[in-house]
Amino acid sequence: MTDRIEQQIERFAPGFSNLILARSVRGPAALERDNPNRVGGDINGGVLDLCQLFTRPTWRAYVTPRRDLFLCAASTPPGGGVHGLCGFFAARAALARAY
């Protein structure tokens, strides 16, 4: 699977394959073994469903009862990924509390 992904990237970014110095491929069982929070190899902190909205440490996303503690992990909305929105929204919450 890794080869196919790299080939697809190479299609749109010629020379990509020449830049790869090393690779590490680990399956779901290895991810869970190294970190029990990654159940089934899930790197996003679990399923994002309606029930999860009501089982969080606090009823509001990003903020906690402590004025200096904010949540911005992959388990906070809008979920895991390479977009940085969890941190963006937590930073906005922190700035809103500062005033």
PDB file of N, CA and C in Angstrom:
ATOM      1  N   MET A   1       0.825  -1.192   0.000  1.00  0.00           N
ATOM      2  CA  MET A   1       0.000   0.000   0.000  1.00  0.00           C
ATOM      3  C   MET A   1       0.872   1.261   0.000  1.00  0.00           C
ATOM      4  N   THR A   2       1.958   1.236   0.750  1.00  0.00           N
ATOM      5  CA  THR A   2       2.832   2.408   0.806  1.00  0.00           C
ATOM      6  C   THR A   2       3.377   2.753  -0.576  1.00  0.00           C
ATOM      7  N   ASP A   3       3.766   1.742  -1.329  1.00  0.00           N
ATOM      8  CA  ASP A   3       4.286   1.984  -2.678  1.00  0.00           C
ATOM      9  C   ASP A   3       3.243   2.653  -3.566  1.00  0.00           C
ATOM     10  N   ARG A   4       2.001   2.194  -3.470  1.00  0.00           N
ATOM     11  CA  ARG A   4       0.936   2.783  -4.293  1.00  0.00           C
ATOM     12  C   ARG A   4       0.675   4.240  -3.914  1.00  0.00           C
ATOM     13  N   ILE A   5       0.734   4.532  -2.629  1.00  0.00           N
ATOM     14  CA  ILE A   5       0.533   5.922  -2.184  1.00  0.00           C
ATOM     15  C   ILE A   5       1.658   6.803  -2.720  1.00  0.00           C
ATOM     16  N   GLU A   6       2.870   6.332  -2.591  1.00  0.00           N
ATOM     17  CA  GLU A   6       4.014   7.103  -3.087  1.00  0.00           C
ATOM     18  C   GLU A   6       3.956   7.291  -4.608  1.00  0.00           C
ATOM     19  N   GLN A   7       3.512   6.274  -5.324  1.00  0.00           N
ATOM     20  CA  GLN A   7       3.380   6.392  -6.775  1.00  0.00           C
ATOM     21  C   GLN A   7       2.336   7.445  -7.147  1.00  0.00           C
ATOM     22  N   GLN A   8       1.262   7.490  -6.400  1.00  0.00           N
ATOM     23  CA  GLN A   8       0.213   8.483  -6.676  1.00  0.00           C
ATOM     24  C   GLN A   8       0.738   9.897  -6.415  1.00  0.00           C
ATOM     25  N   ILE A   9       1.460  10.077  -5.328  1.00  0.00           N
ATOM     26  CA  ILE A   9       2.050  11.396  -5.046  1.00  0.00           C
ATOM     27  C   ILE A   9       3.044  11.764  -6.137  1.00  0.00           C
ATOM     28  N   GLU A  10       3.827  10.781  -6.563  1.00  0.00           N
ATOM     29  CA  GLU A  10       4.819  11.007  -7.621  1.00  0.00           C
ATOM     30  C   GLU A  10       4.155  11.488  -8.915  1.00  0.00           C
ATOM     31  N   ARG A  11       2.952  11.016  -9.192  1.00  0.00           N
ATOM     32  CA  ARG A  11       2.224  11.463 -10.392  1.00  0.00           C
ATOM     33  C   ARG A  11       2.038  12.971 -10.409  1.00  0.00           C
ATOM     34  N   PHE A  12       1.740  13.541  -9.252  1.00  0.00           N
ATOM     35  CA  PHE A  12       1.433  14.973  -9.167  1.00  0.00           C
ATOM     36  C   PHE A  12       2.623  15.809  -8.693  1.00  0.00           C
ATOM     37  N   ALA A  13       3.606  15.150  -8.119  1.00  0.00           N
ATOM     38  CA  ALA A  13       4.803  15.856  -7.653  1.00  0.00           C
ATOM     39  C   ALA A  13       6.033  15.070  -8.103  1.00  0.00           C
ATOM     40  N   PRO A  14       6.396  15.190  -9.372  1.00  0.00           N
ATOM     41  CA  PRO A  14       7.543  14.435  -9.888  1.00  0.00           C
ATOM     42  C   PRO A  14       8.809  14.718  -9.070  1.00  0.00           C
ATOM     43  N   GLY A  15       9.535  13.650  -8.766  1.00  0.00           N
ATOM     44  CA  GLY A  15      10.747  13.775  -7.962  1.00  0.00           C
ATOM     45  C   GLY A  15      10.520  13.489  -6.496  1.00  0.00           C
ATOM     46  N   PHE A  16       9.244  13.327  -6.098  1.00  0.00           N
ATOM     47  CA  PHE A  16       8.919  13.047  -4.691  1.00  0.00           C
ATOM     48  C   PHE A  16       9.656  11.818  -4.183  1.00  0.00           C
ATOM     49  N   SER A  17       9.643  10.734  -4.951  1.00  0.00           N
ATOM     50  CA  SER A  17      10.256   9.472  -4.513  1.00  0.00           C
ATOM     51  C   SER A  17      11.751   9.614  -4.254  1.00  0.00           C
ATOM     52  N   ASN A  18      12.401  10.487  -4.991  1.00  0.00           N
ATOM     53  CA  ASN A  18      13.843  10.682  -4.803  1.00  0.00           C
ATOM     54  C   ASN A  18      14.163  11.374  -3.479  1.00  0.00           C
ATOM     55  N   LEU A  19      13.171  12.015  -2.863  1.00  0.00           N
ATOM     56  CA  LEU A  19      13.395  12.743  -1.612  1.00  0.00           C
ATOM     57  C   LEU A  19      13.209  11.883  -0.373  1.00  0.00           C
ATOM     58  N   ILE A  20      12.698  10.683  -0.538  1.00  0.00           N
ATOM     59  CA  ILE A  20      12.449   9.798   0.607  1.00  0.00           C
ATOM     60  C   ILE A  20      13.761   9.174   1.053  1.00  0.00           C
ATOM     61  N   LEU A  21      14.141   9.451   2.293  1.00  0.00           N
ATOM     62  CA  LEU A  21      15.392   8.930   2.840  1.00  0.00           C
ATOM     63  C   LEU A  21      15.185   7.609   3.571  1.00  0.00           C
ATOM     64  N   ALA A  22      14.032   7.450   4.214  1.00  0.00           N
ATOM     65  CA  ALA A  22      13.727   6.231   4.970  1.00  0.00           C
ATOM     66  C   ALA A  22      12.224   6.157   5.154  1.00  0.00           C
ATOM     67  N   ARG A  23      11.755   4.993   5.532  1.00  0.00           N
ATOM     68  CA  ARG A  23      10.327   4.845   5.802  1.00  0.00           C
ATOM     69  C   ARG A  23      10.137   3.871   6.946  1.00  0.00           C
ATOM     70  N   SER A  24       9.095   4.096   7.684  1.00  0.00           N
ATOM     71  CA  SER A  24       8.704   3.214   8.786  1.00  0.00           C
ATOM     72  C   SER A  24       7.222   2.925   8.627  1.00  0.00           C
ATOM     73  N   VAL A  25       6.885   1.661   8.464  1.00  0.00           N
ATOM     74  CA  VAL A  25       5.500   1.264   8.277  1.00  0.00           C
ATOM     75  C   VAL A  25       5.095   0.402   9.468  1.00  0.00           C
ATOM     76  N   ARG A  26       4.014   0.805  10.132  1.00  0.00           N
ATOM     77  CA  ARG A  26       3.531   0.062  11.302  1.00  0.00           C
ATOM     78  C   ARG A  26       2.037  -0.157  11.167  1.00  0.00           C
ATOM     79  N   GLY A  27       1.614  -1.338  11.445  1.00  0.00           N
ATOM     80  CA  GLY A  27       0.202  -1.678  11.350  1.00  0.00           C
ATOM     81  C   GLY A  27      -0.576  -1.293  12.597  1.00  0.00           C
ATOM     82  N   PRO A  28      -1.886  -1.470  12.564  1.00  0.00           N
ATOM     83  CA  PRO A  28      -2.740  -1.099  13.690  1.00  0.00           C
ATOM     84  C   PRO A  28      -2.371  -1.792  15.006  1.00  0.00           C
ATOM     85  N   ALA A  29      -2.020  -3.075  14.953  1.00  0.00           N
ATOM     86  CA  ALA A  29      -1.675  -3.797  16.182  1.00  0.00           C
ATOM     87  C   ALA A  29      -0.431  -3.194  16.839  1.00  0.00           C
ATOM     88  N   ALA A  30       0.552  -2.822  16.041  1.00  0.00           N
ATOM     89  CA  ALA A  30       1.775  -2.216  16.593  1.00  0.00           C
ATOM     90  C   ALA A  30       1.474  -0.853  17.200  1.00  0.00           C
ATOM     91  N   LEU A  31       0.621  -0.069  16.553  1.00  0.00           N
ATOM     92  CA  LEU A  31       0.259   1.241  17.102  1.00  0.00           C
ATOM     93  C   LEU A  31      -0.442   1.088  18.445  1.00  0.00           C
ATOM     94  N   GLU A  32      -1.374   0.137  18.531  1.00  0.00           N
ATOM     95  CA  GLU A  32      -2.096  -0.081  19.793  1.00  0.00           C
ATOM     96  C   GLU A  32      -1.170  -0.637  20.871  1.00  0.00           C
ATOM     97  N   ARG A  33      -0.237  -1.495  20.495  1.00  0.00           N
ATOM     98  CA  ARG A  33       0.699  -2.071  21.467  1.00  0.00           C
ATOM     99  C   ARG A  33       1.574  -0.972  22.076  1.00  0.00           C
ATOM    100  N   ASP A  34       2.005  -0.023  21.256  1.00  0.00           N
ATOM    101  CA  ASP A  34       2.861   1.060  21.746  1.00  0.00           C
ATOM    102  C   ASP A  34       2.098   2.090  22.569  1.00  0.00           C
ATOM    103  N   ASN A  35       0.798   2.252  22.286  1.00  0.00           N
ATOM    104  CA  ASN A  35      -0.020   3.230  23.000  1.00  0.00           C
ATOM    105  C   ASN A  35      -1.443   2.684  23.100  1.00  0.00           C
ATOM    106  N   PRO A  36      -1.840   2.173  24.272  1.00  0.00           N
ATOM    107  CA  PRO A  36      -3.160   1.558  24.421  1.00  0.00           C
ATOM    108  C   PRO A  36      -4.331   2.502  24.104  1.00  0.00           C
ATOM    109  N   ASN A  37      -4.088   3.797  24.058  1.00  0.00           N
ATOM    110  CA  ASN A  37      -5.151   4.736  23.692  1.00  0.00           C
ATOM    111  C   ASN A  37      -5.504   4.646  22.213  1.00  0.00           C
ATOM    112  N   ARG A  38      -4.648   4.063  21.428  1.00  0.00           N
ATOM    113  CA  ARG A  38      -4.891   3.915  19.988  1.00  0.00           C
ATOM    114  C   ARG A  38      -5.579   2.578  19.723  1.00  0.00           C
ATOM    115  N   VAL A  39      -6.774   2.439  20.215  1.00  0.00           N
ATOM    116  CA  VAL A  39      -7.528   1.193  20.094  1.00  0.00           C
ATOM    117  C   VAL A  39      -7.707   0.848  18.621  1.00  0.00           C
ATOM    118  N   GLY A  40      -7.263  -0.346  18.241  1.00  0.00           N
ATOM    119  CA  GLY A  40      -7.366  -0.777  16.858  1.00  0.00           C
ATOM    120  C   GLY A  40      -6.474   0.015  15.914  1.00  0.00           C
ATOM    121  N   GLY A  41      -5.510   0.749  16.451  1.00  0.00           N
ATOM    122  CA  GLY A  41      -4.618   1.548  15.619  1.00  0.00           C
ATOM    123  C   GLY A  41      -5.147   2.931  15.295  1.00  0.00           C
ATOM    124  N   ASP A  42      -6.259   3.313  15.914  1.00  0.00           N
ATOM    125  CA  ASP A  42      -6.878   4.617  15.643  1.00  0.00           C
ATOM    126  C   ASP A  42      -5.992   5.739  16.177  1.00  0.00           C
ATOM    127  N   ILE A  43      -5.483   6.584  15.289  1.00  0.00           N
ATOM    128  CA  ILE A  43      -4.589   7.671  15.711  1.00  0.00           C
ATOM    129  C   ILE A  43      -5.351   8.963  15.985  1.00  0.00           C
ATOM    130  N   ASN A  44      -6.672   8.957  15.809  1.00  0.00           N
ATOM    131  CA  ASN A  44      -7.462  10.172  15.994  1.00  0.00           C
ATOM    132  C   ASN A  44      -8.157  10.267  17.340  1.00  0.00           C
ATOM    133  N   GLY A  45      -7.881   9.366  18.262  1.00  0.00           N
ATOM    134  CA  GLY A  45      -8.469   9.481  19.592  1.00  0.00           C
ATOM    135  C   GLY A  45      -9.877   8.935  19.696  1.00  0.00           C
ATOM    136  N   GLY A  46     -10.265   8.050  18.833  1.00  0.00           N
ATOM    137  CA  GLY A  46     -11.577   7.419  18.922  1.00  0.00           C
ATOM    138  C   GLY A  46     -12.585   7.977  17.946  1.00  0.00           C
ATOM    139  N   VAL A  47     -13.749   7.394  17.983  1.00  0.00           N
ATOM    140  CA  VAL A  47     -14.817   7.759  17.066  1.00  0.00           C
ATOM    141  C   VAL A  47     -15.365   9.154  17.402  1.00  0.00           C
ATOM    142  N   LEU A  48     -15.730   9.895  16.375  1.00  0.00           N
ATOM    143  CA  LEU A  48     -16.377  11.186  16.572  1.00  0.00           C
ATOM    144  C   LEU A  48     -17.863  11.009  16.288  1.00  0.00           C
ATOM    145  N   ASP A  49     -18.655  10.900  17.336  1.00  0.00           N
ATOM    146  CA  ASP A  49     -20.094  10.749  17.148  1.00  0.00           C
ATOM    147  C   ASP A  49     -20.841  11.629  18.140  1.00  0.00           C
ATOM    148  N   LEU A  50     -22.143  11.632  18.038  1.00  0.00           N
ATOM    149  CA  LEU A  50     -22.968  12.489  18.880  1.00  0.00           C
ATOM    150  C   LEU A  50     -22.795  12.165  20.360  1.00  0.00           C
ATOM    151  N   CYS A  51     -22.678  10.882  20.694  1.00  0.00           N
ATOM    152  CA  CYS A  51     -22.499  10.470  22.091  1.00  0.00           C
ATOM    153  C   CYS A  51     -21.239  11.097  22.690  1.00  0.00           C
ATOM    154  N   GLN A  52     -20.184  11.199  21.904  1.00  0.00           N
ATOM    155  CA  GLN A  52     -18.920  11.734  22.411  1.00  0.00           C
ATOM    156  C   GLN A  52     -19.056  13.192  22.843  1.00  0.00           C
ATOM    157  N   LEU A  53     -19.966  13.921  22.230  1.00  0.00           N
ATOM    158  CA  LEU A  53     -20.166  15.309  22.635  1.00  0.00           C
ATOM    159  C   LEU A  53     -20.611  15.430  24.088  1.00  0.00           C
ATOM    160  N   PHE A  54     -21.296  14.395  24.584  1.00  0.00           N
ATOM    161  CA  PHE A  54     -21.820  14.441  25.947  1.00  0.00           C
ATOM    162  C   PHE A  54     -20.961  13.699  26.952  1.00  0.00           C
ATOM    163  N   THR A  55     -19.871  13.111  26.518  1.00  0.00           N
ATOM    164  CA  THR A  55     -19.004  12.368  27.439  1.00  0.00           C
ATOM    165  C   THR A  55     -17.611  12.983  27.529  1.00  0.00           C
ATOM    166  N   ARG A  56     -17.493  14.233  27.205  1.00  0.00           N
ATOM    167  CA  ARG A  56     -16.211  14.936  27.289  1.00  0.00           C
ATOM    168  C   ARG A  56     -15.972  15.409  28.719  1.00  0.00           C
ATOM    169  N   PRO A  57     -14.740  15.810  29.016  1.00  0.00           N
ATOM    170  CA  PRO A  57     -14.452  16.305  30.366  1.00  0.00           C
ATOM    171  C   PRO A  57     -15.232  17.582  30.707  1.00  0.00           C
ATOM    172  N   THR A  58     -15.665  18.286  29.707  1.00  0.00           N
ATOM    173  CA  THR A  58     -16.420  19.510  29.914  1.00  0.00           C
ATOM    174  C   THR A  58     -17.454  19.630  28.806  1.00  0.00           C
ATOM    175  N   TRP A  59     -18.526  20.338  29.046  1.00  0.00           N
ATOM    176  CA  TRP A  59     -19.596  20.437  28.046  1.00  0.00           C
ATOM    177  C   TRP A  59     -19.242  21.382  26.913  1.00  0.00           C
ATOM    178  N   ARG A  60     -18.250  22.242  27.099  1.00  0.00           N
ATOM    179  CA  ARG A  60     -17.828  23.162  26.041  1.00  0.00           C
ATOM    180  C   ARG A  60     -16.537  22.666  25.412  1.00  0.00           C
ATOM    181  N   ALA A  61     -16.455  22.754  24.113  1.00  0.00           N
ATOM    182  CA  ALA A  61     -15.236  22.339  23.420  1.00  0.00           C
ATOM    183  C   ALA A  61     -14.115  23.346  23.681  1.00  0.00           C
ATOM    184  N   TYR A  62     -12.920  22.851  23.815  1.00  0.00           N
ATOM    185  CA  TYR A  62     -11.671  23.627  23.923  1.00  0.00           C
ATOM    186  C   TYR A  62     -11.410  24.221  25.300  1.00  0.00           C
ATOM    187  N   VAL A  63     -12.418  24.541  26.090  1.00  0.00           N
ATOM    188  CA  VAL A  63     -12.177  25.161  27.395  1.00  0.00           C
ATOM    189  C   VAL A  63     -12.447  24.165  28.511  1.00  0.00           C
ATOM    190  N   THR A  64     -11.852  24.413  29.666  1.00  0.00           N
ATOM    191  CA  THR A  64     -12.045  23.587  30.858  1.00  0.00           C
ATOM    192  C   THR A  64     -12.373  24.511  32.020  1.00  0.00           C
ATOM    193  N   PRO A  65     -12.759  23.961  33.160  1.00  0.00           N
ATOM    194  CA  PRO A  65     -13.005  24.826  34.322  1.00  0.00           C
ATOM    195  C   PRO A  65     -11.772  25.630  34.760  1.00  0.00           C
ATOM    196  N   ARG A  66     -10.583  25.118  34.471  1.00  0.00           N
ATOM    197  CA  ARG A  66      -9.363  25.880  34.773  1.00  0.00           C
ATOM    198  C   ARG A  66      -9.174  26.958  33.723  1.00  0.00           C
ATOM    199  N   ARG A  67      -8.938  28.162  34.156  1.00  0.00           N
ATOM    200  CA  ARG A  67      -8.821  29.282  33.215  1.00  0.00           C
ATOM    201  C   ARG A  67      -7.565  29.204  32.347  1.00  0.00           C
ATOM    202  N   ASP A  68      -6.575  28.406  32.782  1.00  0.00           N
ATOM    203  CA  ASP A  68      -5.320  28.326  32.034  1.00  0.00           C
ATOM    204  C   ASP A  68      -5.127  26.989  31.317  1.00  0.00           C
ATOM    205  N   LEU A  69      -6.195  26.200  31.161  1.00  0.00           N
ATOM    206  CA  LEU A  69      -6.086  24.891  30.527  1.00  0.00           C
ATOM    207  C   LEU A  69      -7.105  24.772  29.396  1.00  0.00           C
ATOM    208  N   PHE A  70      -6.620  24.478  28.204  1.00  0.00           N
ATOM    209  CA  PHE A  70      -7.468  24.375  27.014  1.00  0.00           C
ATOM    210  C   PHE A  70      -7.229  23.040  26.332  1.00  0.00           C
ATOM    211  N   LEU A  71      -8.254  22.527  25.659  1.00  0.00           N
ATOM    212  CA  LEU A  71      -8.162  21.248  24.959  1.00  0.00           C
ATOM    213  C   LEU A  71      -7.958  21.489  23.469  1.00  0.00           C
ATOM    214  N   CYS A  72      -6.927  20.873  22.900  1.00  0.00           N
ATOM    215  CA  CYS A  72      -6.705  21.033  21.458  1.00  0.00           C
ATOM    216  C   CYS A  72      -6.080  19.788  20.853  1.00  0.00           C
ATOM    217  N   ALA A  73      -6.438  18.621  21.379  1.00  0.00           N
ATOM    218  CA  ALA A  73      -5.905  17.363  20.855  1.00  0.00           C
ATOM    219  C   ALA A  73      -6.754  16.870  19.695  1.00  0.00           C
ATOM    220  N   ALA A  74      -6.344  15.767  19.097  1.00  0.00           N
ATOM    221  CA  ALA A  74      -7.077  15.200  17.966  1.00  0.00           C
ATOM    222  C   ALA A  74      -8.493  14.785  18.343  1.00  0.00           C
ATOM    223  N   SER A  75      -8.754  14.585  19.628  1.00  0.00           N
ATOM    224  CA  SER A  75     -10.091  14.172  20.055  1.00  0.00           C
ATOM    225  C   SER A  75     -11.067  15.338  20.163  1.00  0.00           C
ATOM    226  N   THR A  76     -10.594  16.552  20.055  1.00  0.00           N
ATOM    227  CA  THR A  76     -11.498  17.697  20.100  1.00  0.00           C
ATOM    228  C   THR A  76     -11.988  18.012  18.693  1.00  0.00           C
ATOM    229  N   PRO A  77     -13.175  18.589  18.578  1.00  0.00           N
ATOM    230  CA  PRO A  77     -13.709  18.896  17.242  1.00  0.00           C
ATOM    231  C   PRO A  77     -12.782  19.853  16.494  1.00  0.00           C
ATOM    232  N   PRO A  78     -12.666  19.766  15.239  1.00  0.00           N
ATOM    233  CA  PRO A  78     -13.375  18.903  14.303  1.00  0.00           C
ATOM    234  C   PRO A  78     -12.730  17.550  14.108  1.00  0.00           C
ATOM    235  N   GLY A  79     -11.858  17.117  14.994  1.00  0.00           N
ATOM    236  CA  GLY A  79     -11.268  15.794  14.891  1.00  0.00           C
ATOM    237  C   GLY A  79      -9.854  15.823  14.354  1.00  0.00           C
ATOM    238  N   GLY A  80      -9.293  14.644  14.309  1.00  0.00           N
ATOM    239  CA  GLY A  80      -7.901  14.512  13.888  1.00  0.00           C
ATOM    240  C   GLY A  80      -7.685  14.828  12.424  1.00  0.00           C
ATOM    241  N   GLY A  81      -6.457  15.076  12.092  1.00  0.00           N
ATOM    242  CA  GLY A  81      -6.107  15.394  10.720  1.00  0.00           C
ATOM    243  C   GLY A  81      -4.909  16.321  10.700  1.00  0.00           C
ATOM    244  N   VAL A  82      -4.559  16.759   9.540  1.00  0.00           N
ATOM    245  CA  VAL A  82      -3.392  17.624   9.391  1.00  0.00           C
ATOM    246  C   VAL A  82      -3.874  19.025   9.043  1.00  0.00           C
ATOM    247  N   HIS A  83      -4.830  19.507   9.782  1.00  0.00           N
ATOM    248  CA  HIS A  83      -5.394  20.813   9.470  1.00  0.00           C
ATOM    249  C   HIS A  83      -5.132  21.840  10.557  1.00  0.00           C
ATOM    250  N   GLY A  84      -4.847  21.439  11.779  1.00  0.00           N
ATOM    251  CA  GLY A  84      -4.538  22.378  12.844  1.00  0.00           C
ATOM    252  C   GLY A  84      -5.731  23.123  13.408  1.00  0.00           C
ATOM    253  N   LEU A  85      -6.948  22.750  13.018  1.00  0.00           N
ATOM    254  CA  LEU A  85      -8.124  23.489  13.474  1.00  0.00           C
ATOM    255  C   LEU A  85      -8.382  23.340  14.967  1.00  0.00           C
ATOM    256  N   CYS A  86      -8.038  22.191  15.546  1.00  0.00           N
ATOM    257  CA  CYS A  86      -8.228  22.016  16.990  1.00  0.00           C
ATOM    258  C   CYS A  86      -7.425  23.080  17.753  1.00  0.00           C
ATOM    259  N   GLY A  87      -6.173  23.255  17.379  1.00  0.00           N
ATOM    260  CA  GLY A  87      -5.340  24.266  18.016  1.00  0.00           C
ATOM    261  C   GLY A  87      -5.815  25.676  17.717  1.00  0.00           C
ATOM    262  N   PHE A  88      -6.278  25.908  16.494  1.00  0.00           N
ATOM    263  CA  PHE A  88      -6.788  27.226  16.109  1.00  0.00           C
ATOM    264  C   PHE A  88      -7.975  27.624  16.981  1.00  0.00           C
ATOM    265  N   PHE A  89      -8.938  26.707  17.133  1.00  0.00           N
ATOM    266  CA  PHE A  89     -10.121  27.016  17.933  1.00  0.00           C
ATOM    267  C   PHE A  89      -9.784  27.129  19.421  1.00  0.00           C
ATOM    268  N   ALA A  90      -8.835  26.319  19.906  1.00  0.00           N
ATOM    269  CA  ALA A  90      -8.413  26.435  21.301  1.00  0.00           C
ATOM    270  C   ALA A  90      -7.723  27.782  21.535  1.00  0.00           C
ATOM    271  N   ALA A  91      -6.919  28.223  20.572  1.00  0.00           N
ATOM    272  CA  ALA A  91      -6.262  29.532  20.698  1.00  0.00           C
ATOM    273  C   ALA A  91      -7.287  30.661  20.715  1.00  0.00           C
ATOM    274  N   ARG A  92      -8.311  30.549  19.874  1.00  0.00           N
ATOM    275  CA  ARG A  92      -9.379  31.562  19.892  1.00  0.00           C
ATOM    276  C   ARG A  92     -10.093  31.578  21.227  1.00  0.00           C
ATOM    277  N   ALA A  93     -10.341  30.410  21.805  1.00  0.00           N
ATOM    278  CA  ALA A  93     -10.977  30.321  23.123  1.00  0.00           C
ATOM    279  C   ALA A  93     -10.100  30.955  24.188  1.00  0.00           C
ATOM    280  N   ALA A  94      -8.775  30.716  24.094  1.00  0.00           N
ATOM    281  CA  ALA A  94      -7.843  31.313  25.064  1.00  0.00           C
ATOM    282  C   ALA A  94      -7.829  32.838  24.932  1.00  0.00           C
ATOM    283  N   LEU A  95      -7.827  33.337  23.713  1.00  0.00           N
ATOM    284  CA  LEU A  95      -7.827  34.789  23.516  1.00  0.00           C
ATOM    285  C   LEU A  95      -9.126  35.401  24.013  1.00  0.00           C
ATOM    286  N   ALA A  96     -10.227  34.705  23.818  1.00  0.00           N
ATOM    287  CA  ALA A  96     -11.515  35.207  24.291  1.00  0.00           C
ATOM    288  C   ALA A  96     -11.561  35.262  25.806  1.00  0.00           C
ATOM    289  N   ARG A  97     -10.910  34.333  26.481  1.00  0.00           N
ATOM    290  CA  ARG A  97     -10.873  34.328  27.936  1.00  0.00           C
ATOM    291  C   ARG A  97      -9.945  35.390  28.496  1.00  0.00           C
ATOM    292  N   ALA A  98      -8.981  35.796  27.708  1.00  0.00           N
ATOM    293  CA  ALA A  98      -7.993  36.764  28.198  1.00  0.00           C
ATOM    294  C   ALA A  98      -8.617  38.140  28.408  1.00  0.00           C
ATOM    295  N   TYR A  99      -9.766  38.389  27.805  1.00  0.00           N
ATOM    296  CA  TYR A  99     -10.360  39.725  27.886  1.00  0.00           C
ATOM    297  C   TYR A  99     -11.583  39.746  28.750  1.00  0.00           C
TER     298      TYR A  99
END
